[in-house]
């Protein structure tokens, strides 16, 4: 378990790759306030 292990986060960083352990972008859910703002456009 280290830099040579492709399944760990440290291994992904060492291998310059992405995956389940090291996602490229974090998906964030919209809050209720943001949903209301999107619906009302004046």
Protein backbone atom coordinates (compact mmCIF):
# COMPACT_ATOMS: atom_id res chain seq x y z
CA UNK A 1 0.00 0.00 0.00
CA UNK A 2 1.81 3.04 -1.22
CA UNK A 3 2.94 4.88 -4.32
CA UNK A 4 3.02 1.67 -6.39
CA UNK A 5 -0.54 0.66 -5.51
CA UNK A 6 -2.85 1.90 -8.28
CA UNK A 7 -5.97 1.48 -6.15
CA UNK A 8 -4.98 3.96 -3.43
CA UNK A 9 -5.15 7.74 -3.50
CA UNK A 10 -1.39 8.02 -3.08
CA UNK A 11 -0.87 5.61 -5.98
CA UNK A 12 -3.24 7.64 -8.18
CA UNK A 13 -1.28 10.82 -7.40
CA UNK A 14 2.04 9.09 -8.15
CA UNK A 15 0.64 7.64 -11.41
CA UNK A 16 -1.01 10.96 -12.42
CA UNK A 17 -4.41 9.28 -12.84
CA UNK A 18 -7.90 9.69 -11.47
CA UNK A 19 -10.59 7.28 -10.31
CA UNK A 20 -13.00 6.48 -7.48
CA UNK A 21 -10.35 7.15 -4.80
CA UNK A 22 -9.23 10.39 -6.48
CA UNK A 23 -12.07 12.07 -8.37
CA UNK A 24 -11.33 15.00 -10.68
CA UNK A 25 -14.26 17.13 -9.61
CA UNK A 26 -16.45 17.02 -6.53
CA UNK A 27 -20.14 17.10 -7.45
CA UNK A 28 -22.09 19.30 -5.07
CA UNK A 29 -25.86 19.14 -4.61
CA UNK A 30 -27.80 22.38 -5.00
CA UNK A 31 -29.26 23.82 -1.81
CA UNK A 32 -32.93 24.76 -1.49
CA UNK A 33 -32.06 28.46 -1.71
CA UNK A 34 -30.12 27.93 -4.96
CA UNK A 35 -33.01 25.96 -6.48
CA UNK A 36 -35.42 28.79 -5.63
CA UNK A 37 -33.07 31.40 -7.17
CA UNK A 38 -32.77 29.35 -10.38
CA UNK A 39 -36.57 29.15 -10.69
CA UNK A 40 -37.17 32.90 -10.24
CA UNK A 41 -35.63 35.01 -12.96
CA UNK A 42 -36.76 38.63 -13.20
